[in-house]
PDB file of all heavy atoms in Angstrom:
ATOM      1  N   LEU A   1       0.839  -1.195   0.000  1.00  0.00           N
ATOM      2  CA  LEU A   1       0.000   0.000   0.000  1.00  0.00           C
ATOM      3  C   LEU A   1       0.876   1.248   0.000  1.00  0.00           C
ATOM      4  O   LEU A   1       1.953   1.259   0.605  1.00  0.00           O
ATOM      5  CB  LEU A   1      -0.912   0.021   1.225  1.00  0.00           C
ATOM      6  CG  LEU A   1      -1.805  -1.198   1.441  1.00  0.00           C
ATOM      7  CD1 LEU A   1      -2.705  -0.968   2.656  1.00  0.00           C
ATOM      8  CD2 LEU A   1      -2.613  -1.516   0.218  1.00  0.00           C
ATOM      9  N   SER A   2       0.386   2.274  -0.661  1.00  0.00           N
ATOM     10  CA  SER A   2       1.058   3.567  -0.666  1.00  0.00           C
ATOM     11  C   SER A   2       0.103   4.637  -0.187  1.00  0.00           C
ATOM     12  O   SER A   2      -1.117   4.536  -0.377  1.00  0.00           O
ATOM     13  CB  SER A   2       1.545   3.917  -2.076  1.00  0.00           C
ATOM     14  OG  SER A   2       2.458   2.971  -2.564  1.00  0.00           O
ATOM     15  N   CYS A   3       0.657   5.672   0.391  1.00  0.00           N
ATOM     16  CA  CYS A   3      -0.130   6.826   0.846  1.00  0.00           C
ATOM     17  C   CYS A   3       0.677   8.068   0.494  1.00  0.00           C
ATOM     18  O   CYS A   3       1.737   8.305   1.072  1.00  0.00           O
ATOM     19  CB  CYS A   3      -0.379   6.734   2.343  1.00  0.00           C
ATOM     20  SG  CYS A   3      -1.123   8.215   3.075  1.00  0.00           S
ATOM     21  N   THR A   4       0.171   8.840  -0.439  1.00  0.00           N
ATOM     22  CA  THR A   4       0.871  10.032  -0.892  1.00  0.00           C
ATOM     23  C   THR A   4       0.283  11.268  -0.225  1.00  0.00           C
ATOM     24  O   THR A   4      -0.938  11.452  -0.206  1.00  0.00           O
ATOM     25  CB  THR A   4       0.773  10.168  -2.416  1.00  0.00           C
ATOM     26  OG1 THR A   4       1.331   8.998  -3.013  1.00  0.00           O
ATOM     27  CG2 THR A   4       1.556  11.376  -2.897  1.00  0.00           C
ATOM     28  N   ALA A   5       1.161  12.097   0.311  1.00  0.00           N
ATOM     29  CA  ALA A   5       0.744  13.291   1.046  1.00  0.00           C
ATOM     30  C   ALA A   5       0.993  14.555   0.232  1.00  0.00           C
ATOM     31  O   ALA A   5       1.948  14.633  -0.543  1.00  0.00           O
ATOM     32  CB  ALA A   5       1.500  13.371   2.362  1.00  0.00           C
ATOM     33  N   SER A   6       0.150  15.548   0.466  1.00  0.00           N
ATOM     34  CA  SER A   6       0.323  16.845  -0.179  1.00  0.00           C
ATOM     35  C   SER A   6      -0.244  17.928   0.719  1.00  0.00           C
ATOM     36  O   SER A   6      -1.032  17.660   1.629  1.00  0.00           O
ATOM     37  CB  SER A   6      -0.375  16.876  -1.546  1.00  0.00           C
ATOM     38  OG  SER A   6      -1.763  16.692  -1.396  1.00  0.00           O
ATOM     39  N   GLY A   7       0.162  19.149   0.465  1.00  0.00           N
ATOM     40  CA  GLY A   7      -0.422  20.286   1.159  1.00  0.00           C
ATOM     41  C   GLY A   7       0.350  20.802   2.351  1.00  0.00           C
ATOM     42  O   GLY A   7       0.215  21.955   2.720  1.00  0.00           O
ATOM     43  N   ARG A   8       1.109  19.967   2.982  1.00  0.00           N
ATOM     44  CA  ARG A   8       1.915  20.372   4.144  1.00  0.00           C
ATOM     45  C   ARG A   8       3.247  19.626   4.092  1.00  0.00           C
ATOM     46  O   ARG A   8       3.443  18.731   3.295  1.00  0.00           O
ATOM     47  CB  ARG A   8       1.182  20.070   5.453  1.00  0.00           C
ATOM     48  CG  ARG A   8      -0.027  20.940   5.724  1.00  0.00           C
ATOM     49  CD  ARG A   8       0.361  22.362   6.030  1.00  0.00           C
ATOM     50  NE  ARG A   8      -0.773  23.197   6.421  1.00  0.00           N
ATOM     51  CZ  ARG A   8      -1.485  23.916   5.598  1.00  0.00           C
ATOM     52  NH1 ARG A   8      -1.197  23.934   4.309  1.00  0.00           N
ATOM     53  NH2 ARG A   8      -2.493  24.643   6.039  1.00  0.00           N
ATOM     54  N   THR A   9       4.147  19.996   4.994  1.00  0.00           N
ATOM     55  CA  THR A   9       5.466  19.365   5.029  1.00  0.00           C
ATOM     56  C   THR A   9       5.354  17.961   5.602  1.00  0.00           C
ATOM     57  O   THR A   9       5.119  17.771   6.795  1.00  0.00           O
ATOM     58  CB  THR A   9       6.434  20.208   5.861  1.00  0.00           C
ATOM     59  OG1 THR A   9       6.482  21.535   5.334  1.00  0.00           O
ATOM     60  CG2 THR A   9       7.822  19.598   5.829  1.00  0.00           C
ATOM     61  N   PHE A  10       5.528  16.987   4.739  1.00  0.00           N
ATOM     62  CA  PHE A  10       5.347  15.578   5.117  1.00  0.00           C
ATOM     63  C   PHE A  10       6.257  15.186   6.264  1.00  0.00           C
ATOM     64  O   PHE A  10       5.869  14.407   7.138  1.00  0.00           O
ATOM     65  CB  PHE A  10       5.618  14.715   3.883  1.00  0.00           C
ATOM     66  CG  PHE A  10       5.462  13.242   4.098  1.00  0.00           C
ATOM     67  CD1 PHE A  10       4.229  12.689   4.403  1.00  0.00           C
ATOM     68  CD2 PHE A  10       6.555  12.384   3.972  1.00  0.00           C
ATOM     69  CE1 PHE A  10       4.072  11.324   4.580  1.00  0.00           C
ATOM     70  CE2 PHE A  10       6.405  11.021   4.149  1.00  0.00           C
ATOM     71  CZ  PHE A  10       5.164  10.489   4.449  1.00  0.00           C
ATOM     72  N   THR A  11       7.448  15.737   6.305  1.00  0.00           N
ATOM     73  CA  THR A  11       8.425  15.333   7.316  1.00  0.00           C
ATOM     74  C   THR A  11       8.030  15.758   8.725  1.00  0.00           C
ATOM     75  O   THR A  11       8.636  15.300   9.692  1.00  0.00           O
ATOM     76  CB  THR A  11       9.805  15.917   6.990  1.00  0.00           C
ATOM     77  OG1 THR A  11       9.687  17.330   6.786  1.00  0.00           O
ATOM     78  CG2 THR A  11      10.381  15.299   5.726  1.00  0.00           C
ATOM     79  N   ASN A  12       7.029  16.606   8.855  1.00  0.00           N
ATOM     80  CA  ASN A  12       6.574  17.035  10.179  1.00  0.00           C
ATOM     81  C   ASN A  12       5.537  16.101  10.794  1.00  0.00           C
ATOM     82  O   ASN A  12       5.066  16.355  11.904  1.00  0.00           O
ATOM     83  CB  ASN A  12       5.960  18.439  10.102  1.00  0.00           C
ATOM     84  CG  ASN A  12       7.010  19.515   9.904  1.00  0.00           C
ATOM     85  OD1 ASN A  12       8.187  19.309  10.195  1.00  0.00           O
ATOM     86  ND2 ASN A  12       6.583  20.663   9.404  1.00  0.00           N
ATOM     87  N   TYR A  13       5.178  15.040  10.079  1.00  0.00           N
ATOM     88  CA  TYR A  13       4.063  14.211  10.503  1.00  0.00           C
ATOM     89  C   TYR A  13       4.494  12.791  10.841  1.00  0.00           C
ATOM     90  O   TYR A  13       5.161  12.120  10.046  1.00  0.00           O
ATOM     91  CB  TYR A  13       2.995  14.149   9.414  1.00  0.00           C
ATOM     92  CG  TYR A  13       2.250  15.447   9.239  1.00  0.00           C
ATOM     93  CD1 TYR A  13       2.764  16.465   8.446  1.00  0.00           C
ATOM     94  CD2 TYR A  13       1.040  15.657   9.892  1.00  0.00           C
ATOM     95  CE1 TYR A  13       2.085  17.662   8.311  1.00  0.00           C
ATOM     96  CE2 TYR A  13       0.351  16.851   9.745  1.00  0.00           C
ATOM     97  CZ  TYR A  13       0.895  17.845   8.956  1.00  0.00           C
ATOM     98  OH  TYR A  13       0.215  19.029   8.825  1.00  0.00           O
ATOM     99  N   ALA A  14       4.073  12.342  12.034  1.00  0.00           N
ATOM    100  CA  ALA A  14       4.102  10.920  12.328  1.00  0.00           C
ATOM    101  C   ALA A  14       2.965  10.280  11.534  1.00  0.00           C
ATOM    102  O   ALA A  14       1.879  10.863  11.411  1.00  0.00           O
ATOM    103  CB  ALA A  14       3.904  10.674  13.821  1.00  0.00           C
ATOM    104  N   MET A  15       3.211   9.114  11.011  1.00  0.00           N
ATOM    105  CA  MET A  15       2.250   8.485  10.113  1.00  0.00           C
ATOM    106  C   MET A  15       1.837   7.103  10.611  1.00  0.00           C
ATOM    107  O   MET A  15       2.644   6.380  11.214  1.00  0.00           O
ATOM    108  CB  MET A  15       2.857   8.344   8.713  1.00  0.00           C
ATOM    109  CG  MET A  15       3.276   9.654   8.073  1.00  0.00           C
ATOM    110  SD  MET A  15       1.885  10.757   7.753  1.00  0.00           S
ATOM    111  CE  MET A  15       0.935   9.791   6.571  1.00  0.00           C
ATOM    112  N   ASN A  16       0.606   6.760  10.364  1.00  0.00           N
ATOM    113  CA  ASN A  16       0.040   5.475  10.790  1.00  0.00           C
ATOM    114  C   ASN A  16      -0.734   4.809   9.679  1.00  0.00           C
ATOM    115  O   ASN A  16      -1.230   5.473   8.761  1.00  0.00           O
ATOM    116  CB  ASN A  16      -0.954   5.691  11.933  1.00  0.00           C
ATOM    117  CG  ASN A  16      -0.359   5.411  13.277  1.00  0.00           C
ATOM    118  OD1 ASN A  16       0.810   5.677  13.485  1.00  0.00           O
ATOM    119  ND2 ASN A  16      -1.166   4.914  14.200  1.00  0.00           N
ATOM    120  N   TRP A  17      -0.893   3.515   9.802  1.00  0.00           N
ATOM    121  CA  TRP A  17      -1.880   2.758   9.067  1.00  0.00           C
ATOM    122  C   TRP A  17      -2.876   2.190  10.075  1.00  0.00           C
ATOM    123  O   TRP A  17      -2.486   1.624  11.100  1.00  0.00           O
ATOM    124  CB  TRP A  17      -1.245   1.616   8.293  1.00  0.00           C
ATOM    125  CG  TRP A  17      -0.453   2.052   7.113  1.00  0.00           C
ATOM    126  CD1 TRP A  17       0.910   2.211   7.033  1.00  0.00           C
ATOM    127  CD2 TRP A  17      -0.955   2.395   5.815  1.00  0.00           C
ATOM    128  NE1 TRP A  17       1.281   2.626   5.788  1.00  0.00           N
ATOM    129  CE2 TRP A  17       0.152   2.751   5.004  1.00  0.00           C
ATOM    130  CE3 TRP A  17      -2.232   2.443   5.245  1.00  0.00           C
ATOM    131  CZ2 TRP A  17       0.016   3.128   3.672  1.00  0.00           C
ATOM    132  CZ3 TRP A  17      -2.366   2.829   3.925  1.00  0.00           C
ATOM    133  CH2 TRP A  17      -1.259   3.163   3.148  1.00  0.00           C
ATOM    134  N   PHE A  18      -4.134   2.377   9.761  1.00  0.00           N
ATOM    135  CA  PHE A  18      -5.227   1.748  10.499  1.00  0.00           C
ATOM    136  C   PHE A  18      -6.019   0.903   9.505  1.00  0.00           C
ATOM    137  O   PHE A  18      -5.867   1.052   8.298  1.00  0.00           O
ATOM    138  CB  PHE A  18      -6.158   2.803  11.109  1.00  0.00           C
ATOM    139  CG  PHE A  18      -5.556   3.604  12.226  1.00  0.00           C
ATOM    140  CD1 PHE A  18      -4.864   4.775  11.962  1.00  0.00           C
ATOM    141  CD2 PHE A  18      -5.689   3.194  13.543  1.00  0.00           C
ATOM    142  CE1 PHE A  18      -4.307   5.527  12.989  1.00  0.00           C
ATOM    143  CE2 PHE A  18      -5.138   3.933  14.576  1.00  0.00           C
ATOM    144  CZ  PHE A  18      -4.441   5.093  14.297  1.00  0.00           C
ATOM    145  N   ARG A  19      -6.870   0.042  10.015  1.00  0.00           N
ATOM    146  CA  ARG A  19      -7.757  -0.727   9.148  1.00  0.00           C
ATOM    147  C   ARG A  19      -9.102  -0.908   9.834  1.00  0.00           C
ATOM    148  O   ARG A  19      -9.208  -0.856  11.071  1.00  0.00           O
ATOM    149  CB  ARG A  19      -7.146  -2.078   8.776  1.00  0.00           C
ATOM    150  CG  ARG A  19      -6.994  -3.043   9.931  1.00  0.00           C
ATOM    151  CD  ARG A  19      -6.247  -4.297   9.471  1.00  0.00           C
ATOM    152  NE  ARG A  19      -6.102  -5.275  10.546  1.00  0.00           N
ATOM    153  CZ  ARG A  19      -5.382  -6.384  10.446  1.00  0.00           C
ATOM    154  NH1 ARG A  19      -4.735  -6.668   9.315  1.00  0.00           N
ATOM    155  NH2 ARG A  19      -5.303  -7.214  11.461  1.00  0.00           N
ATOM    156  N   GLN A  20     -10.100  -1.124   9.001  1.00  0.00           N
ATOM    157  CA  GLN A  20     -11.447  -1.339   9.525  1.00  0.00           C
ATOM    158  C   GLN A  20     -12.127  -2.411   8.701  1.00  0.00           C
ATOM    159  O   GLN A  20     -12.394  -2.226   7.509  1.00  0.00           O
ATOM    160  CB  GLN A  20     -12.261  -0.045   9.503  1.00  0.00           C
ATOM    161  CG  GLN A  20     -13.591  -0.144  10.201  1.00  0.00           C
ATOM    162  CD  GLN A  20     -14.220   1.211  10.471  1.00  0.00           C
ATOM    163  OE1 GLN A  20     -13.843   2.223   9.880  1.00  0.00           O
ATOM    164  NE2 GLN A  20     -15.174   1.250  11.367  1.00  0.00           N
ATOM    165  N   ALA A  21     -12.395  -3.533   9.351  1.00  0.00           N
ATOM    166  CA  ALA A  21     -13.128  -4.610   8.710  1.00  0.00           C
ATOM    167  C   ALA A  21     -14.624  -4.337   8.830  1.00  0.00           C
ATOM    168  O   ALA A  21     -15.067  -3.600   9.712  1.00  0.00           O
ATOM    169  CB  ALA A  21     -12.774  -5.938   9.366  1.00  0.00           C
ATOM    170  N   SER A  22     -15.380  -4.947   7.952  1.00  0.00           N
ATOM    171  CA  SER A  22     -16.815  -4.733   7.936  1.00  0.00           C
ATOM    172  C   SER A  22     -17.435  -5.101   9.275  1.00  0.00           C
ATOM    173  O   SER A  22     -17.202  -6.200   9.798  1.00  0.00           O
ATOM    174  CB  SER A  22     -17.446  -5.569   6.814  1.00  0.00           C
ATOM    175  OG  SER A  22     -18.842  -5.387   6.776  1.00  0.00           O
ATOM    176  N   GLY A  23     -18.177  -4.173   9.861  1.00  0.00           N
ATOM    177  CA  GLY A  23     -18.852  -4.425  11.119  1.00  0.00           C
ATOM    178  C   GLY A  23     -17.983  -4.326  12.353  1.00  0.00           C
ATOM    179  O   GLY A  23     -18.438  -4.607  13.466  1.00  0.00           O
ATOM    180  N   LYS A  24     -16.724  -3.910  12.172  1.00  0.00           N
ATOM    181  CA  LYS A  24     -15.807  -3.810  13.309  1.00  0.00           C
ATOM    182  C   LYS A  24     -15.291  -2.385  13.450  1.00  0.00           C
ATOM    183  O   LYS A  24     -15.409  -1.560  12.539  1.00  0.00           O
ATOM    184  CB  LYS A  24     -14.645  -4.781  13.133  1.00  0.00           C
ATOM    185  CG  LYS A  24     -15.053  -6.237  13.143  1.00  0.00           C
ATOM    186  CD  LYS A  24     -13.843  -7.148  13.121  1.00  0.00           C
ATOM    187  CE  LYS A  24     -14.252  -8.610  13.197  1.00  0.00           C
ATOM    188  NZ  LYS A  24     -13.074  -9.519  13.184  1.00  0.00           N
ATOM    189  N   GLU A  25     -14.702  -2.116  14.608  1.00  0.00           N
ATOM    190  CA  GLU A  25     -14.123  -0.801  14.848  1.00  0.00           C
ATOM    191  C   GLU A  25     -12.781  -0.663  14.121  1.00  0.00           C
ATOM    192  O   GLU A  25     -12.109  -1.648  13.823  1.00  0.00           O
ATOM    193  CB  GLU A  25     -13.932  -0.577  16.352  1.00  0.00           C
ATOM    194  CG  GLU A  25     -15.232  -0.469  17.126  1.00  0.00           C
ATOM    195  CD  GLU A  25     -15.003  -0.080  18.573  1.00  0.00           C
ATOM    196  OE1 GLU A  25     -13.834  -0.019  18.995  1.00  0.00           O
ATOM    197  OE2 GLU A  25     -15.999   0.166  19.276  1.00  0.00           O
ATOM    198  N   ARG A  26     -12.413   0.586  13.873  1.00  0.00           N
ATOM    199  CA  ARG A  26     -11.119   0.854  13.258  1.00  0.00           C
ATOM    200  C   ARG A  26     -10.012   0.443  14.232  1.00  0.00           C
ATOM    201  O   ARG A  26     -10.082   0.752  15.423  1.00  0.00           O
ATOM    202  CB  ARG A  26     -11.013   2.339  12.904  1.00  0.00           C
ATOM    203  CG  ARG A  26      -9.867   2.684  12.003  1.00  0.00           C
ATOM    204  CD  ARG A  26     -10.039   4.063  11.411  1.00  0.00           C
ATOM    205  NE  ARG A  26     -11.239   4.156  10.573  1.00  0.00           N
ATOM    206  CZ  ARG A  26     -11.536   5.204   9.826  1.00  0.00           C
ATOM    207  NH1 ARG A  26     -10.721   6.254   9.803  1.00  0.00           N
ATOM    208  NH2 ARG A  26     -12.635   5.215   9.103  1.00  0.00           N
ATOM    209  N   GLU A  27      -8.986  -0.228  13.727  1.00  0.00           N
ATOM    210  CA  GLU A  27      -7.926  -0.692  14.603  1.00  0.00           C
ATOM    211  C   GLU A  27      -6.549  -0.288  14.072  1.00  0.00           C
ATOM    212  O   GLU A  27      -6.337  -0.141  12.866  1.00  0.00           O
ATOM    213  CB  GLU A  27      -7.981  -2.217  14.765  1.00  0.00           C
ATOM    214  CG  GLU A  27      -7.705  -3.002  13.513  1.00  0.00           C
ATOM    215  CD  GLU A  27      -7.638  -4.503  13.760  1.00  0.00           C
ATOM    216  OE1 GLU A  27      -7.855  -4.955  14.902  1.00  0.00           O
ATOM    217  OE2 GLU A  27      -7.343  -5.240  12.792  1.00  0.00           O
ATOM    218  N   PHE A  28      -5.634  -0.150  14.993  1.00  0.00           N
ATOM    219  CA  PHE A  28      -4.254   0.209  14.689  1.00  0.00           C
ATOM    220  C   PHE A  28      -3.556  -0.935  13.964  1.00  0.00           C
ATOM    221  O   PHE A  28      -3.730  -2.105  14.313  1.00  0.00           O
ATOM    222  CB  PHE A  28      -3.530   0.535  15.988  1.00  0.00           C
ATOM    223  CG  PHE A  28      -2.034   0.600  15.875  1.00  0.00           C
ATOM    224  CD1 PHE A  28      -1.433   1.666  15.244  1.00  0.00           C
ATOM    225  CD2 PHE A  28      -1.253  -0.409  16.399  1.00  0.00           C
ATOM    226  CE1 PHE A  28      -0.051   1.729  15.130  1.00  0.00           C
ATOM    227  CE2 PHE A  28       0.121  -0.361  16.304  1.00  0.00           C
ATOM    228  CZ  PHE A  28       0.727   0.704  15.668  1.00  0.00           C
ATOM    229  N   VAL A  29      -2.731  -0.584  12.970  1.00  0.00           N
ATOM    230  CA  VAL A  29      -1.935  -1.567  12.248  1.00  0.00           C
ATOM    231  C   VAL A  29      -0.435  -1.307  12.452  1.00  0.00           C
ATOM    232  O   VAL A  29       0.296  -2.181  12.915  1.00  0.00           O
ATOM    233  CB  VAL A  29      -2.264  -1.550  10.742  1.00  0.00           C
ATOM    234  CG1 VAL A  29      -1.344  -2.509   9.991  1.00  0.00           C
ATOM    235  CG2 VAL A  29      -3.727  -1.911  10.508  1.00  0.00           C
ATOM    236  N   ALA A  30       0.012  -0.093  12.100  1.00  0.00           N
ATOM    237  CA  ALA A  30       1.444   0.218  12.176  1.00  0.00           C
ATOM    238  C   ALA A  30       1.635   1.721  12.244  1.00  0.00           C
ATOM    239  O   ALA A  30       0.810   2.481  11.746  1.00  0.00           O
ATOM    240  CB  ALA A  30       2.183  -0.357  10.979  1.00  0.00           C
ATOM    241  N   ALA A  31       2.749   2.121  12.862  1.00  0.00           N
ATOM    242  CA  ALA A  31       3.072   3.539  13.016  1.00  0.00           C
ATOM    243  C   ALA A  31       4.547   3.766  12.762  1.00  0.00           C
ATOM    244  O   ALA A  31       5.376   2.877  13.028  1.00  0.00           O
ATOM    245  CB  ALA A  31       2.708   4.020  14.421  1.00  0.00           C
ATOM    246  N   ILE A  32       4.873   4.966  12.276  1.00  0.00           N
ATOM    247  CA  ILE A  32       6.261   5.347  12.059  1.00  0.00           C
ATOM    248  C   ILE A  32       6.441   6.784  12.531  1.00  0.00           C
ATOM    249  O   ILE A  32       5.575   7.632  12.319  1.00  0.00           O
ATOM    250  CB  ILE A  32       6.670   5.165  10.587  1.00  0.00           C
ATOM    251  CG1 ILE A  32       8.180   5.374  10.400  1.00  0.00           C
ATOM    252  CG2 ILE A  32       5.863   6.066   9.671  1.00  0.00           C
ATOM    253  CD1 ILE A  32       8.688   4.898   9.039  1.00  0.00           C
ATOM    254  N   SER A  33       7.549   7.053  13.186  1.00  0.00           N
ATOM    255  CA  SER A  33       7.789   8.368  13.765  1.00  0.00           C
ATOM    256  C   SER A  33       8.021   9.418  12.687  1.00  0.00           C
ATOM    257  O   SER A  33       8.295   9.102  11.530  1.00  0.00           O
ATOM    258  CB  SER A  33       8.994   8.313  14.708  1.00  0.00           C
ATOM    259  OG  SER A  33      10.161   7.936  13.994  1.00  0.00           O
ATOM    260  N   TRP A  34       7.918  10.688  13.098  1.00  0.00           N
ATOM    261  CA  TRP A  34       8.096  11.777  12.132  1.00  0.00           C
ATOM    262  C   TRP A  34       9.555  12.156  11.967  1.00  0.00           C
ATOM    263  O   TRP A  34       9.931  12.812  11.003  1.00  0.00           O
ATOM    264  CB  TRP A  34       7.288  13.012  12.551  1.00  0.00           C
ATOM    265  CG  TRP A  34       7.786  13.699  13.793  1.00  0.00           C
ATOM    266  CD1 TRP A  34       7.562  13.332  15.085  1.00  0.00           C
ATOM    267  CD2 TRP A  34       8.571  14.888  13.861  1.00  0.00           C
ATOM    268  NE1 TRP A  34       8.163  14.202  15.949  1.00  0.00           N
ATOM    269  CE2 TRP A  34       8.780  15.181  15.231  1.00  0.00           C
ATOM    270  CE3 TRP A  34       9.117  15.738  12.901  1.00  0.00           C
ATOM    271  CZ2 TRP A  34       9.501  16.280  15.658  1.00  0.00           C
ATOM    272  CZ3 TRP A  34       9.853  16.847  13.319  1.00  0.00           C
ATOM    273  CH2 TRP A  34      10.040  17.104  14.688  1.00  0.00           C
ATOM    274  N   VAL A  35      10.403  11.679  12.890  1.00  0.00           N
ATOM    275  CA  VAL A  35      11.819  11.997  12.796  1.00  0.00           C
ATOM    276  C   VAL A  35      12.623  10.767  13.175  1.00  0.00           C
ATOM    277  O   VAL A  35      12.200   9.959  14.013  1.00  0.00           O
ATOM    278  CB  VAL A  35      12.157  13.194  13.704  1.00  0.00           C
ATOM    279  CG1 VAL A  35      11.920  12.870  15.163  1.00  0.00           C
ATOM    280  CG2 VAL A  35      13.586  13.659  13.475  1.00  0.00           C
ATOM    281  N   ALA A  36      13.775  10.608  12.547  1.00  0.00           N
ATOM    282  CA  ALA A  36      14.677   9.508  12.876  1.00  0.00           C
ATOM    283  C   ALA A  36      15.528   9.948  14.059  1.00  0.00           C
ATOM    284  O   ALA A  36      16.335  10.861  13.942  1.00  0.00           O
ATOM    285  CB  ALA A  36      15.541   9.159  11.673  1.00  0.00           C
ATOM    286  N   LEU A  37      15.332   9.296  15.203  1.00  0.00           N
ATOM    287  CA  LEU A  37      15.988   9.709  16.441  1.00  0.00           C
ATOM    288  C   LEU A  37      17.269   8.943  16.716  1.00  0.00           C
ATOM    289  O   LEU A  37      17.991   9.264  17.646  1.00  0.00           O
ATOM    290  CB  LEU A  37      15.030   9.545  17.620  1.00  0.00           C
ATOM    291  CG  LEU A  37      13.775  10.402  17.566  1.00  0.00           C
ATOM    292  CD1 LEU A  37      12.855  10.078  18.727  1.00  0.00           C
ATOM    293  CD2 LEU A  37      14.143  11.882  17.568  1.00  0.00           C
ATOM    294  N   SER A  38      17.553   7.911  15.952  1.00  0.00           N
ATOM    295  CA  SER A  38      18.734   7.114  16.209  1.00  0.00           C
ATOM    296  C   SER A  38      19.352   6.685  14.882  1.00  0.00           C
ATOM    297  O   SER A  38      18.775   6.892  13.816  1.00  0.00           O
ATOM    298  CB  SER A  38      18.367   5.880  17.034  1.00  0.00           C
ATOM    299  OG  SER A  38      17.573   5.009  16.271  1.00  0.00           O
ATOM    300  N   ARG A  39      20.515   6.075  14.999  1.00  0.00           N
ATOM    301  CA  ARG A  39      21.197   5.606  13.800  1.00  0.00           C
ATOM    302  C   ARG A  39      20.404   4.516  13.097  1.00  0.00           C
ATOM    303  O   ARG A  39      20.589   4.279  11.906  1.00  0.00           O
ATOM    304  CB  ARG A  39      22.591   5.096  14.158  1.00  0.00           C
ATOM    305  CG  ARG A  39      23.540   6.179  14.602  1.00  0.00           C
ATOM    306  CD  ARG A  39      24.926   5.612  14.873  1.00  0.00           C
ATOM    307  NE  ARG A  39      25.867   6.658  15.291  1.00  0.00           N
ATOM    308  CZ  ARG A  39      27.132   6.436  15.592  1.00  0.00           C
ATOM    309  NH1 ARG A  39      27.624   5.203  15.517  1.00  0.00           N
ATOM    310  NH2 ARG A  39      27.911   7.428  15.964  1.00  0.00           N
ATOM    311  N   SER A  40      19.551   3.850  13.852  1.00  0.00           N
ATOM    312  CA  SER A  40      18.755   2.773  13.259  1.00  0.00           C
ATOM    313  C   SER A  40      17.568   3.314  12.482  1.00  0.00           C
ATOM    314  O   SER A  40      16.828   2.552  11.871  1.00  0.00           O
ATOM    315  CB  SER A  40      18.278   1.809  14.345  1.00  0.00           C
ATOM    316  OG  SER A  40      17.498   2.494  15.294  1.00  0.00           O
ATOM    317  N   GLY A  41      17.383   4.619  12.507  1.00  0.00           N
ATOM    318  CA  GLY A  41      16.342   5.230  11.685  1.00  0.00           C
ATOM    319  C   GLY A  41      15.089   5.556  12.454  1.00  0.00           C
ATOM    320  O   GLY A  41      15.117   5.836  13.642  1.00  0.00           O
ATOM    321  N   TYR A  42      13.955   5.506  11.774  1.00  0.00           N
ATOM    322  CA  TYR A  42      12.680   5.878  12.367  1.00  0.00           C
ATOM    323  C   TYR A  42      12.205   4.831  13.364  1.00  0.00           C
ATOM    324  O   TYR A  42      12.452   3.634  13.186  1.00  0.00           O
ATOM    325  CB  TYR A  42      11.626   6.052  11.276  1.00  0.00           C
ATOM    326  CG  TYR A  42      11.918   7.190  10.335  1.00  0.00           C
ATOM    327  CD1 TYR A  42      12.611   6.984   9.149  1.00  0.00           C
ATOM    328  CD2 TYR A  42      11.505   8.487  10.632  1.00  0.00           C
ATOM    329  CE1 TYR A  42      12.889   8.036   8.296  1.00  0.00           C
ATOM    330  CE2 TYR A  42      11.779   9.539   9.776  1.00  0.00           C
ATOM    331  CZ  TYR A  42      12.478   9.305   8.617  1.00  0.00           C
ATOM    332  OH  TYR A  42      12.750  10.353   7.776  1.00  0.00           O
ATOM    333  N   SER A  43      11.526   5.299  14.389  1.00  0.00           N
ATOM    334  CA  SER A  43      10.865   4.379  15.312  1.00  0.00           C
ATOM    335  C   SER A  43       9.608   3.830  14.655  1.00  0.00           C
ATOM    336  O   SER A  43       8.920   4.550  13.910  1.00  0.00           O
ATOM    337  CB  SER A  43      10.494   5.115  16.601  1.00  0.00           C
ATOM    338  OG  SER A  43      11.643   5.566  17.275  1.00  0.00           O
ATOM    339  N   LYS A  44       9.304   2.563  14.933  1.00  0.00           N
ATOM    340  CA  LYS A  44       8.134   1.913  14.333  1.00  0.00           C
ATOM    341  C   LYS A  44       7.401   1.101  15.396  1.00  0.00           C
ATOM    342  O   LYS A  44       8.015   0.561  16.320  1.00  0.00           O
ATOM    343  CB  LYS A  44       8.555   1.005  13.179  1.00  0.00           C
ATOM    344  CG  LYS A  44       9.297   1.733  12.060  1.00  0.00           C
ATOM    345  CD  LYS A  44       9.767   0.765  10.986  1.00  0.00           C
ATOM    346  CE  LYS A  44      10.564   1.523   9.917  1.00  0.00           C
ATOM    347  NZ  LYS A  44      11.057   0.608   8.859  1.00  0.00           N
ATOM    348  N   LEU A  45       6.093   1.040  15.233  1.00  0.00           N
ATOM    349  CA  LEU A  45       5.246   0.203  16.088  1.00  0.00           C
ATOM    350  C   LEU A  45       4.365  -0.656  15.201  1.00  0.00           C
ATOM    351  O   LEU A  45       3.945  -0.214  14.123  1.00  0.00           O
ATOM    352  CB  LEU A  45       4.343   1.074  16.972  1.00  0.00           C
ATOM    353  CG  LEU A  45       4.953   1.842  18.132  1.00  0.00           C
ATOM    354  CD1 LEU A  45       3.892   2.729  18.783  1.00  0.00           C
ATOM    355  CD2 LEU A  45       5.544   0.883  19.148  1.00  0.00           C
ATOM    356  N   TYR A  46       4.054  -1.854  15.673  1.00  0.00           N
ATOM    357  CA  TYR A  46       3.171  -2.755  14.936  1.00  0.00           C
ATOM    358  C   TYR A  46       2.169  -3.382  15.879  1.00  0.00           C
ATOM    359  O   TYR A  46       2.474  -3.686  17.036  1.00  0.00           O
ATOM    360  CB  TYR A  46       3.968  -3.869  14.253  1.00  0.00           C
ATOM    361  CG  TYR A  46       4.904  -3.395  13.168  1.00  0.00           C
ATOM    362  CD1 TYR A  46       6.248  -3.173  13.447  1.00  0.00           C
ATOM    363  CD2 TYR A  46       4.442  -3.167  11.883  1.00  0.00           C
ATOM    364  CE1 TYR A  46       7.117  -2.731  12.454  1.00  0.00           C
ATOM    365  CE2 TYR A  46       5.305  -2.729  10.878  1.00  0.00           C
ATOM    366  CZ  TYR A  46       6.637  -2.507  11.184  1.00  0.00           C
ATOM    367  OH  TYR A  46       7.488  -2.061  10.200  1.00  0.00           O
TER     368      TYR A  46
END
């Protein structure tokens, strides 16, 4: 999946993927930080 951003500075935003199955609540899938804080790069959650 791709998500293309426009209108503001993309690098200022932490970004997430959520999903919603039919008849269910929206749920968290994955997140990535807005800045790389370490040599290993961006922080990520799943």
